[in-house]
Amino acid sequence: MLPMSIFSKLIIYYNFEHIDGCLIKKIGGIEMSKRVAGEGTIYFDKSMQRFVGQFPYKDLETGKTKRKKITGLTKKEVLEKGQNFKLDLDHGCVLPKNEDDDITLGEYMNKWLEDTVRSTVRIKTYERYECAYRCHIKPYLASTKLSAFTRVGLQEYFVKLSKSGKVDGSKLAPRTVNAIRRLLKMVFKYAVGDGLLMKNPVELTKPIRIEPTPINVFKVAEYQKLLEVAKAESCRDYLVVRIAFATGMRIGEIFGLEYSAIDFEKNLISVKQTVVTSRHGKRVQRTAKNSTSLRTILVERKLVEELRKAYHLHNLKKKAVHGWLEKNHDFIIENADGSFCDPAYFSDKIFKKKLLRKAGLSSKFRFHDCRHTHATWLLEQNVDIKTISERLGHKSIHFGSLCSCCAKASTGSRRCFTRYLASCCVMQMGILGNCITLSCFHFNPRKSTLFYNDENP
């Protein structure tokens, strides 16, 4: 026990008083404010550059508790407006009808997509959100008021999508349904922040169960056959396949590569931009998928020499071809006029329907499996997971795909991988604030196996 002298120093004289409708705590002569029930919440909105207050009140017509949203340049101004609002209610003043009380999900999402999303995310992300709303949310929920949504109703909606969500009445993929759920969860979170709702009804719903999808990895013989076919087709096809397997880069990153991004002396490739395909056509995007996607990759000397020869041919063609479009750019993967190619077209029409067929390989392979194959090869060489994750440009140590790649790797690399995961588990239990999260994984040390659970929201 502590001596009474210490307790006497800790227990400072304090009392509580009501001053101007606020509960004030006095400690050692210093006044400290404390919110009382019904006072409301005040915060600073960076997007509006104003203080926003949300003051609860009871609707006399429905008996439900609602929130009145009040804004001001200072916190004191908002508090004064809120207190006047409460006094008006106490004196029986009729509350003016709030226009936001009848707002529907369609009205709110249209405004949210245009005012909040379009200017803050990449074009592909915006188009994905807009497409999800137009195809799967608008036909079912657009006319429903925000205040009318319940957990039960939304859960029934997600189940309905998973059974007959497509236009032809067939079932929608569970991953697509869960992506729609995440989008709605985000929208309702903004609605709560805007004071339109008391709580987010999507948070209590459950995602649709997803069956694990196997990752396809090329065998060495299959890779060699594919490379031979690509080389016979064209220099462009060969370079795309060669770079993909040698670096694990995403297809958009490969098509955005320029010769200026290659350090021919140090054998380095710098990822600085990516090519994306949207409804408005293809475009070069200077920002990558995430901050760690902008990276430098060490490659083998043989690949650098092949790129050096391609660069020499590129310069000769640039001088010879009349009407060369890209005078300020030197794309490695280019069209006949020097412009950059369409990665979506190559992935579907060239790689999947042409190269794989001529190589006699299964159509189950996707171009992205070249990236998985690269990760598997590194695991077989006992390269540590952090290095692989950084090389692939993951924002964090990406266990989801690497775990599946591990299953394809050799026994020695699997043991190295599972030992690393076990050490991460110990680190997380022993160090507060470790950024590695393993809550969605089930690790069995005895069998040296790791199972990934993709049901978490």
Protein backbone atom coordinates (compact mmCIF):
# COMPACT_ATOMS: atom_id res chain seq x y z
CA MET A 1 0.00 0.00 0.00
CA LEU A 2 1.06 3.56 -0.66
CA PRO A 3 1.62 5.92 2.29
CA MET A 4 -1.27 8.21 3.16
CA SER A 5 0.89 11.21 2.34
CA ILE A 6 0.96 10.12 -1.31
CA PHE A 7 -2.80 9.62 -1.36
CA SER A 8 -3.29 13.05 0.13
CA LYS A 9 -1.26 14.52 -2.75
CA LEU A 10 -3.14 12.53 -5.35
CA ILE A 11 -6.62 13.38 -4.05
CA ILE A 12 -6.84 17.04 -5.05
CA TYR A 13 -9.87 19.00 -4.00
CA TYR A 14 -12.48 19.04 -6.73
CA ASN A 15 -16.21 19.56 -7.13
CA PHE A 16 -18.72 19.84 -9.96
CA GLU A 17 -20.87 22.80 -10.91
CA HIS A 18 -23.34 23.57 -13.70
CA ILE A 19 -22.26 26.69 -15.57
CA ASP A 20 -24.18 27.78 -18.69
CA GLY A 21 -25.65 24.33 -19.12
CA CYS A 22 -22.23 22.59 -19.03
CA LEU A 23 -20.88 20.38 -16.29
CA ILE A 24 -17.63 21.96 -15.05
CA LYS A 25 -15.11 20.05 -12.94
CA LYS A 26 -12.85 22.20 -10.76
CA ILE A 27 -9.50 20.65 -9.90
CA GLY A 28 -7.03 22.70 -7.91
CA GLY A 29 -8.74 25.91 -8.99
CA ILE A 30 -8.59 24.96 -12.71
CA GLU A 31 -11.91 24.57 -14.52
CA MET A 32 -12.16 21.49 -16.76
CA SER A 33 -15.26 20.90 -18.89
CA LYS A 34 -16.94 17.53 -19.13
CA ARG A 35 -19.69 16.59 -21.54
CA VAL A 36 -23.01 15.69 -19.99
CA ALA A 37 -25.74 13.49 -21.48
CA GLY A 38 -27.41 15.20 -24.44
CA GLU A 39 -24.73 17.85 -24.90
CA GLY A 40 -23.62 16.41 -28.24
CA THR A 41 -20.32 15.79 -29.99
CA ILE A 42 -18.17 18.49 -31.59
CA TYR A 43 -15.27 17.78 -33.96
CA PHE A 44 -13.30 19.54 -36.69
CA ASP A 45 -14.09 18.51 -40.28
CA LYS A 46 -10.96 18.94 -42.42
CA SER A 47 -12.85 18.72 -45.71
CA MET A 48 -15.23 21.54 -44.66
CA GLN A 49 -12.63 23.43 -42.61
CA ARG A 50 -15.32 23.99 -40.00
CA PHE A 51 -16.31 22.63 -36.61
CA VAL A 52 -19.26 20.25 -36.73
CA GLY A 53 -21.56 19.45 -33.84
CA GLN A 54 -24.09 16.63 -33.59
CA PHE A 55 -26.77 17.23 -30.96
CA PRO A 56 -29.22 14.41 -30.14
CA TYR A 57 -32.94 15.09 -29.69
CA LYS A 58 -36.15 13.08 -29.64
CA ASP A 59 -38.54 13.37 -32.57
CA LEU A 60 -42.00 13.99 -31.09
CA GLU A 61 -43.76 12.44 -34.11
CA THR A 62 -41.89 9.14 -34.25
CA GLY A 63 -40.41 8.99 -30.75
CA LYS A 64 -37.01 8.13 -32.27
CA THR A 65 -33.73 9.73 -31.24
CA LYS A 66 -32.18 11.80 -34.02
CA ARG A 67 -29.20 14.14 -34.38
CA LYS A 68 -29.15 17.78 -35.37
CA LYS A 69 -26.04 18.75 -37.35
CA ILE A 70 -24.70 22.24 -36.64
CA THR A 71 -21.56 23.82 -38.11
CA GLY A 72 -19.49 26.87 -37.19
CA LEU A 73 -16.08 28.49 -37.57
CA THR A 74 -15.19 27.91 -33.91
CA LYS A 75 -15.99 25.24 -31.36
CA LYS A 76 -17.53 27.91 -29.09
CA GLU A 77 -19.87 29.04 -31.87
CA VAL A 78 -21.10 25.48 -32.48
CA LEU A 79 -21.61 24.93 -28.75
CA GLU A 80 -23.64 28.14 -28.42
CA LYS A 81 -25.82 27.22 -31.42
CA GLY A 82 -26.32 23.77 -29.94
CA GLN A 83 -27.35 25.17 -26.58
CA ASN A 84 -29.83 27.55 -28.25
CA PHE A 85 -31.21 24.62 -30.22
CA LYS A 86 -31.77 22.65 -27.00
CA LEU A 87 -33.38 25.68 -25.31
CA ASP A 88 -35.78 26.10 -28.23
CA LEU A 89 -36.83 22.47 -27.86
CA ASP A 90 -37.29 22.87 -24.10
CA HIS A 91 -39.56 25.88 -24.69
CA GLY A 92 -41.75 23.92 -27.10
CA CYS A 93 -40.57 25.53 -30.31
CA VAL A 94 -41.50 23.46 -33.40
CA LEU A 95 -38.38 21.88 -34.92
CA PRO A 96 -38.09 22.75 -38.61
CA LYS A 97 -38.14 19.72 -40.88
CA ASN A 98 -34.65 18.56 -41.73
CA GLU A 99 -34.24 18.00 -45.49
CA ASP A 100 -31.76 15.20 -44.79
CA ASP A 101 -34.38 13.14 -42.91
CA ASP A 102 -35.90 11.91 -46.19
CA ILE A 103 -32.68 11.43 -48.16
CA THR A 104 -32.46 8.10 -49.96
CA LEU A 105 -29.41 5.91 -50.44
CA GLY A 106 -29.41 6.69 -54.17
CA GLU A 107 -29.35 10.45 -53.58
CA TYR A 108 -26.66 10.18 -50.95
CA MET A 109 -24.43 7.79 -52.94
CA ASN A 110 -24.62 9.90 -56.11
CA LYS A 111 -23.48 12.94 -54.15
CA TRP A 112 -20.86 10.91 -52.25
CA LEU A 113 -19.37 9.43 -55.43
CA GLU A 114 -19.18 12.82 -57.13
CA ASP A 115 -18.07 15.06 -54.24
CA THR A 116 -15.99 12.74 -52.06
CA VAL A 117 -14.75 9.78 -54.10
CA ARG A 118 -13.98 11.09 -57.59
CA SER A 119 -11.32 13.59 -56.50
CA THR A 120 -9.66 11.40 -53.86
CA VAL A 121 -9.10 7.98 -55.48
CA ARG A 122 -7.58 6.61 -58.67
CA ILE A 123 -9.76 6.46 -61.78
CA LYS A 124 -10.01 2.64 -61.68
CA THR A 125 -11.15 2.70 -58.06
CA TYR A 126 -13.82 5.28 -58.83
CA GLU A 127 -15.09 3.29 -61.81
CA ARG A 128 -15.22 0.13 -59.69
CA TYR A 129 -17.32 1.88 -57.02
CA GLU A 130 -19.59 3.50 -59.61
CA CYS A 131 -20.09 0.20 -61.44
CA ALA A 132 -20.96 -1.62 -58.20
CA TYR A 133 -23.53 1.05 -57.37
CA ARG A 134 -25.06 1.19 -60.86
CA CYS A 135 -25.27 -2.58 -61.41
CA HIS A 136 -25.92 -4.07 -57.97
CA ILE A 137 -26.99 -1.38 -55.48
CA LYS A 138 -29.14 1.05 -57.46
CA PRO A 139 -31.69 -1.54 -58.76
CA TYR A 140 -32.42 -2.80 -55.23
CA LEU A 141 -31.72 -0.08 -52.65
CA ALA A 142 -31.54 3.35 -54.32
CA SER A 143 -35.07 4.43 -53.39
CA THR A 144 -34.81 3.36 -49.73
CA LYS A 145 -34.33 6.06 -47.10
CA LEU A 146 -31.05 5.95 -45.20
CA SER A 147 -32.89 5.82 -41.89
CA ALA A 148 -34.92 2.76 -42.99
CA PHE A 149 -31.99 0.35 -43.33
CA THR A 150 -31.60 -2.44 -40.78
CA ARG A 151 -29.06 -5.19 -40.22
CA VAL A 152 -31.60 -7.91 -41.08
CA GLY A 153 -32.67 -6.22 -44.32
CA LEU A 154 -29.10 -5.68 -45.50
CA GLN A 155 -28.11 -9.26 -44.65
CA GLU A 156 -31.05 -10.55 -46.72
CA TYR A 157 -29.89 -8.28 -49.57
CA PHE A 158 -26.34 -9.72 -49.50
CA VAL A 159 -27.68 -13.29 -49.48
CA LYS A 160 -29.99 -12.46 -52.40
CA LEU A 161 -27.05 -11.10 -54.41
CA SER A 162 -25.06 -14.27 -53.77
CA LYS A 163 -27.94 -16.40 -55.09
CA SER A 164 -29.29 -14.33 -58.00
CA GLY A 165 -27.36 -11.09 -58.23
CA LYS A 166 -26.48 -11.13 -61.92
CA VAL A 167 -28.65 -9.66 -64.68
CA ASP A 168 -29.53 -13.14 -65.98
CA GLY A 169 -30.57 -14.27 -62.50
CA SER A 170 -27.49 -16.38 -61.80
CA LYS A 171 -25.52 -16.10 -58.58
CA LEU A 172 -22.94 -13.40 -57.99
CA ALA A 173 -19.44 -14.40 -56.88
CA PRO A 174 -18.99 -14.21 -53.08
CA ARG A 175 -15.96 -11.94 -53.47
CA THR A 176 -18.05 -9.49 -55.51
CA VAL A 177 -20.83 -9.53 -52.89
CA ASN A 178 -18.32 -8.87 -50.11
CA ALA A 179 -16.82 -6.02 -52.13
CA ILE A 180 -20.32 -4.49 -52.38
CA ARG A 181 -20.70 -4.95 -48.62
CA ARG A 182 -17.41 -3.13 -47.97
CA LEU A 183 -18.55 -0.29 -50.25
CA LEU A 184 -21.87 0.09 -48.42
CA LYS A 185 -20.08 -0.06 -45.08
CA MET A 186 -17.94 2.85 -46.21
CA VAL A 187 -20.94 4.84 -47.46
CA PHE A 188 -22.90 4.40 -44.23
CA LYS A 189 -19.81 5.35 -42.22
CA TYR A 190 -19.77 8.69 -44.03
CA ALA A 191 -23.52 9.05 -43.39
CA VAL A 192 -22.91 8.56 -39.66
CA GLY A 193 -20.15 11.18 -39.80
CA ASP A 194 -22.52 13.59 -41.53
CA GLY A 195 -25.03 13.18 -38.70
CA LEU A 196 -27.64 11.45 -40.88
CA LEU A 197 -27.53 8.19 -38.91
CA MET A 198 -26.84 7.22 -35.31
CA LYS A 199 -25.00 4.00 -36.22
CA ASN A 200 -23.79 2.01 -39.21
CA PRO A 201 -26.24 -0.84 -39.99
CA VAL A 202 -23.72 -2.69 -42.18
CA GLU A 203 -21.22 -3.24 -39.35
CA LEU A 204 -23.31 -5.99 -37.76
CA THR A 205 -23.84 -7.92 -40.99
CA LYS A 206 -21.71 -10.94 -41.92
CA PRO A 207 -19.73 -11.36 -45.15
CA ILE A 208 -20.56 -14.20 -47.51
CA ARG A 209 -18.38 -17.26 -47.06
CA ILE A 210 -15.65 -17.56 -49.67
CA GLU A 211 -14.21 -20.90 -50.70
CA PRO A 212 -10.40 -20.81 -51.01
CA THR A 213 -9.24 -20.29 -54.59
CA PRO A 214 -6.15 -22.25 -55.64
CA ILE A 215 -3.28 -20.25 -57.10
CA ASN A 216 -1.82 -21.62 -60.33
CA VAL A 217 1.97 -21.72 -60.55
CA PHE A 218 3.88 -22.46 -63.76
CA LYS A 219 6.29 -25.36 -63.77
CA VAL A 220 9.76 -24.68 -65.15
CA ALA A 221 9.05 -26.69 -68.31
CA GLU A 222 5.80 -24.77 -68.85
CA TYR A 223 7.59 -21.44 -68.40
CA GLN A 224 10.29 -22.42 -70.92
CA LYS A 225 7.69 -23.52 -73.48
CA LEU A 226 5.70 -20.27 -73.00
CA LEU A 227 8.85 -18.20 -73.41
CA GLU A 228 9.73 -20.01 -76.65
CA VAL A 229 6.27 -19.33 -78.09
CA ALA A 230 6.38 -15.66 -77.04
CA LYS A 231 9.83 -15.22 -78.62
CA ALA A 232 8.59 -16.71 -81.90
CA GLU A 233 5.61 -14.33 -81.93
CA SER A 234 7.35 -10.98 -81.39
CA CYS A 235 9.99 -9.14 -79.40
CA ARG A 236 7.21 -7.34 -77.51
CA ASP A 237 5.49 -10.56 -76.37
CA TYR A 238 8.82 -12.05 -75.34
CA LEU A 239 9.83 -9.04 -73.23
CA VAL A 240 6.46 -8.92 -71.44
CA VAL A 241 6.63 -12.59 -70.43
CA ARG A 242 10.35 -12.41 -69.62
CA ILE A 243 10.01 -9.35 -67.35
CA ALA A 244 6.91 -10.76 -65.64
CA PHE A 245 8.58 -14.00 -64.57
CA ALA A 246 11.91 -12.33 -63.73
CA THR A 247 10.57 -9.49 -61.57
CA GLY A 248 7.03 -10.39 -60.41
CA MET A 249 5.80 -6.97 -61.58
CA ARG A 250 2.12 -6.29 -62.20
CA ILE A 251 1.08 -6.11 -65.85
CA GLY A 252 0.28 -2.38 -65.66
CA GLU A 253 3.73 -1.72 -64.18
CA ILE A 254 5.43 -3.64 -67.01
CA PHE A 255 3.53 -1.71 -69.69
CA GLY A 256 4.40 1.58 -67.98
CA LEU A 257 8.14 0.86 -67.97
CA GLU A 258 10.42 3.17 -69.92
CA TYR A 259 14.08 2.61 -70.76
CA SER A 260 14.99 5.56 -68.54
CA ALA A 261 13.84 3.47 -65.56
CA ILE A 262 16.59 0.89 -66.17
CA ASP A 263 20.03 1.20 -64.62
CA PHE A 264 22.09 -0.85 -67.09
CA GLU A 265 25.22 -0.70 -64.91
CA LYS A 266 23.69 -1.70 -61.56
CA ASN A 267 21.09 -4.14 -62.98
CA LEU A 268 18.17 -2.24 -61.48
CA ILE A 269 14.62 -1.55 -62.69
CA SER A 270 12.69 1.32 -61.08
CA VAL A 271 8.88 1.16 -61.02
CA LYS A 272 7.70 4.77 -61.38
CA GLN A 273 4.35 4.58 -63.21
CA THR A 274 1.69 2.19 -64.43
CA VAL A 275 -0.67 1.92 -67.40
CA VAL A 276 -4.36 1.47 -66.56
CA THR A 277 -7.35 0.76 -68.79
CA SER A 278 -10.63 2.47 -67.95
CA ARG A 279 -13.92 3.23 -69.70
CA HIS A 280 -12.25 6.38 -71.03
CA GLY A 281 -9.41 4.40 -72.63
CA LYS A 282 -5.88 3.60 -71.53
CA ARG A 283 -3.70 6.12 -69.70
CA VAL A 284 -0.36 6.39 -67.92
CA GLN A 285 -0.81 6.83 -64.19
CA ARG A 286 2.11 8.44 -62.40
CA THR A 287 0.93 7.15 -59.03
CA ALA A 288 1.20 3.40 -58.48
CA LYS A 289 -1.23 1.07 -56.66
CA ASN A 290 0.18 2.07 -53.26
CA SER A 291 3.19 3.88 -51.80
CA THR A 292 5.38 0.76 -51.72
CA SER A 293 4.60 -0.05 -55.37
CA LEU A 294 7.08 2.67 -56.34
CA ARG A 295 10.19 0.57 -55.85
CA THR A 296 13.52 -0.54 -57.31
CA ILE A 297 14.03 -4.19 -58.31
CA LEU A 298 17.36 -5.96 -58.70
CA VAL A 299 17.35 -8.22 -61.78
CA GLU A 300 19.69 -10.72 -63.40
CA ARG A 301 22.41 -9.51 -65.73
CA LYS A 302 21.10 -11.56 -68.67
CA LEU A 303 17.75 -9.72 -68.63
CA VAL A 304 19.52 -6.35 -68.53
CA GLU A 305 21.56 -7.29 -71.61
CA GLU A 306 18.38 -8.32 -73.44
CA LEU A 307 16.83 -4.96 -72.56
CA ARG A 308 19.96 -3.17 -73.75
CA LYS A 309 19.62 -4.82 -77.18
CA ALA A 310 15.91 -3.93 -77.25
CA TYR A 311 16.79 -0.32 -76.41
CA HIS A 312 19.22 -0.18 -79.35
CA LEU A 313 16.53 -1.48 -81.74
CA HIS A 314 14.05 1.00 -80.23
CA ASN A 315 16.33 3.96 -81.02
CA LEU A 316 16.84 2.75 -84.60
CA LYS A 317 13.08 2.35 -85.11
CA LYS A 318 12.40 5.74 -83.51
CA LYS A 319 14.59 7.43 -86.11
CA ALA A 320 13.26 5.43 -89.06
CA VAL A 321 9.49 5.50 -88.41
CA HIS A 322 7.66 8.55 -89.68
CA GLY A 323 4.96 9.89 -87.34
CA TRP A 324 6.43 8.58 -84.10
CA LEU A 325 3.90 9.57 -81.42
CA GLU A 326 5.78 9.38 -78.12
CA LYS A 327 8.70 11.76 -78.68
CA ASN A 328 9.17 12.39 -74.95
CA HIS A 329 8.77 8.78 -73.83
CA ASP A 330 10.63 5.55 -74.57
CA PHE A 331 8.27 2.74 -73.57
CA ILE A 332 9.76 -0.76 -73.48
CA ILE A 333 6.42 -2.32 -74.45
CA GLU A 334 5.30 -0.18 -77.38
CA ASN A 335 3.12 -0.15 -80.45
CA ALA A 336 4.50 0.38 -83.95
CA ASP A 337 4.17 4.16 -83.58
CA GLY A 338 5.89 4.29 -80.17
CA SER A 339 2.70 4.65 -78.09
CA PHE A 340 2.18 2.49 -75.02
CA CYS A 341 0.15 -0.72 -75.32
CA ASP A 342 -3.11 -1.75 -73.66
CA PRO A 343 -2.37 -4.20 -70.80
CA ALA A 344 -5.98 -5.48 -70.63
CA TYR A 345 -5.92 -6.35 -74.33
CA PHE A 346 -2.60 -8.17 -74.01
CA SER A 347 -3.72 -10.15 -70.96
CA ASP A 348 -6.92 -11.40 -72.58
CA LYS A 349 -6.30 -11.52 -76.32
CA ILE A 350 -2.54 -12.17 -76.55
CA PHE A 351 -1.49 -14.03 -73.41
CA LYS A 352 -4.57 -16.08 -72.61
CA LYS A 353 -6.03 -16.79 -76.05
CA LYS A 354 -2.87 -16.87 -78.14
CA LEU A 355 0.34 -17.63 -76.23
CA LEU A 356 -1.13 -20.18 -73.80
CA ARG A 357 -2.99 -21.97 -76.62
CA LYS A 358 0.08 -22.20 -78.87
CA ALA A 359 2.19 -23.40 -75.93
CA GLY A 360 -0.38 -26.12 -75.20
CA LEU A 361 -0.96 -24.86 -71.65
CA SER A 362 -4.16 -24.83 -69.66
CA SER A 363 -6.48 -21.83 -70.05
CA LYS A 364 -6.82 -21.70 -66.24
CA PHE A 365 -3.57 -19.71 -66.13
CA ARG A 366 -3.87 -15.92 -65.87
CA PHE A 367 -1.16 -13.37 -66.53
CA HIS A 368 -1.13 -12.56 -62.80
CA ASP A 369 0.04 -16.14 -62.17
CA CYS A 370 3.44 -15.10 -63.54
CA ARG A 371 3.70 -12.93 -60.42
CA HIS A 372 2.69 -15.84 -58.18
CA THR A 373 5.23 -18.06 -59.91
CA HIS A 374 7.99 -15.51 -59.27
CA ALA A 375 7.12 -15.43 -55.56
CA THR A 376 7.15 -19.25 -55.44
CA TRP A 377 10.58 -19.41 -57.05
CA LEU A 378 11.94 -16.99 -54.45
CA LEU A 379 10.44 -19.09 -51.65
CA GLU A 380 12.17 -22.15 -53.09
CA GLN A 381 15.45 -20.25 -52.80
CA ASN A 382 14.67 -19.60 -49.08
CA VAL A 383 14.37 -15.85 -49.60
CA ASP A 384 12.77 -14.22 -46.53
CA ILE A 385 9.16 -13.08 -46.72
CA LYS A 386 9.85 -9.39 -46.04
CA THR A 387 12.22 -9.20 -49.01
CA ILE A 388 9.69 -10.92 -51.28
CA SER A 389 6.90 -8.61 -50.11
CA GLU A 390 9.02 -5.50 -50.78
CA ARG A 391 10.07 -6.84 -54.19
CA LEU A 392 6.43 -7.45 -55.17
CA GLY A 393 5.46 -3.96 -53.99
CA HIS A 394 3.01 -5.02 -51.30
CA LYS A 395 1.92 -2.33 -48.85
CA SER A 396 2.42 -4.76 -45.97
CA ILE A 397 3.71 -8.30 -45.62
CA HIS A 398 1.03 -9.88 -47.78
CA PHE A 399 0.36 -13.31 -46.30
CA GLY A 400 -2.75 -14.06 -48.35
CA SER A 401 -1.08 -14.80 -51.69
CA LEU A 402 2.32 -15.75 -50.28
CA CYS A 403 0.75 -18.50 -48.17
CA SER A 404 -0.76 -20.03 -51.29
CA CYS A 405 2.55 -19.73 -53.10
CA CYS A 406 4.22 -21.44 -50.14
CA ALA A 407 2.04 -24.50 -50.67
CA LYS A 408 3.54 -24.84 -54.16
CA ALA A 409 7.13 -24.45 -52.99
CA SER A 410 9.60 -27.10 -51.89
CA THR A 411 9.63 -28.69 -48.41
CA GLY A 412 12.72 -26.74 -47.29
CA SER A 413 11.27 -23.35 -48.18
CA ARG A 414 7.93 -24.26 -46.55
CA ARG A 415 9.72 -25.02 -43.30
CA CYS A 416 11.56 -21.70 -43.52
CA PHE A 417 8.26 -19.93 -44.23
CA THR A 418 6.34 -21.51 -41.34
CA ARG A 419 9.20 -20.84 -38.91
CA TYR A 420 9.06 -17.20 -39.94
CA LEU A 421 5.30 -17.07 -39.35
CA ALA A 422 5.68 -18.70 -35.94
CA SER A 423 8.26 -16.08 -34.95
CA CYS A 424 5.86 -13.35 -36.12
CA CYS A 425 3.16 -14.78 -33.87
CA VAL A 426 5.51 -14.65 -30.90
CA MET A 427 6.55 -11.09 -31.80
CA GLN A 428 2.95 -9.95 -32.02
CA MET A 429 2.06 -11.44 -28.63
CA GLY A 430 5.12 -9.94 -27.00
CA ILE A 431 5.36 -6.51 -28.64
CA LEU A 432 2.50 -4.04 -28.37
CA GLY A 433 1.65 -2.29 -31.60
CA ASN A 434 3.31 -4.73 -34.01
CA CYS A 435 1.95 -3.99 -37.49
CA ILE A 436 1.78 -7.68 -38.48
CA THR A 437 -1.76 -9.03 -38.04
CA LEU A 438 -2.39 -12.76 -38.06
CA SER A 439 -5.98 -12.78 -36.83
CA CYS A 440 -7.24 -14.26 -40.11
CA PHE A 441 -4.73 -17.14 -40.16
CA HIS A 442 -4.74 -20.53 -38.47
CA PHE A 443 -1.22 -21.87 -37.94
CA ASN A 444 -0.49 -25.51 -37.05
CA PRO A 445 3.16 -25.77 -35.90
CA ARG A 446 3.03 -29.57 -35.64
CA LYS A 447 2.00 -30.05 -39.27
CA SER A 448 3.85 -26.93 -40.48
CA THR A 449 0.73 -25.77 -42.31
CA LEU A 450 -1.01 -22.43 -42.51
CA PHE A 451 -4.65 -21.95 -43.44
CA TYR A 452 -5.94 -18.58 -44.63
CA ASN A 453 -9.46 -17.54 -43.67
CA ASP A 454 -10.88 -14.98 -46.12
CA GLU A 455 -14.18 -14.48 -44.26
CA ASN A 456 -13.02 -11.46 -42.27
CA PRO A 457 -14.55 -8.16 -43.51
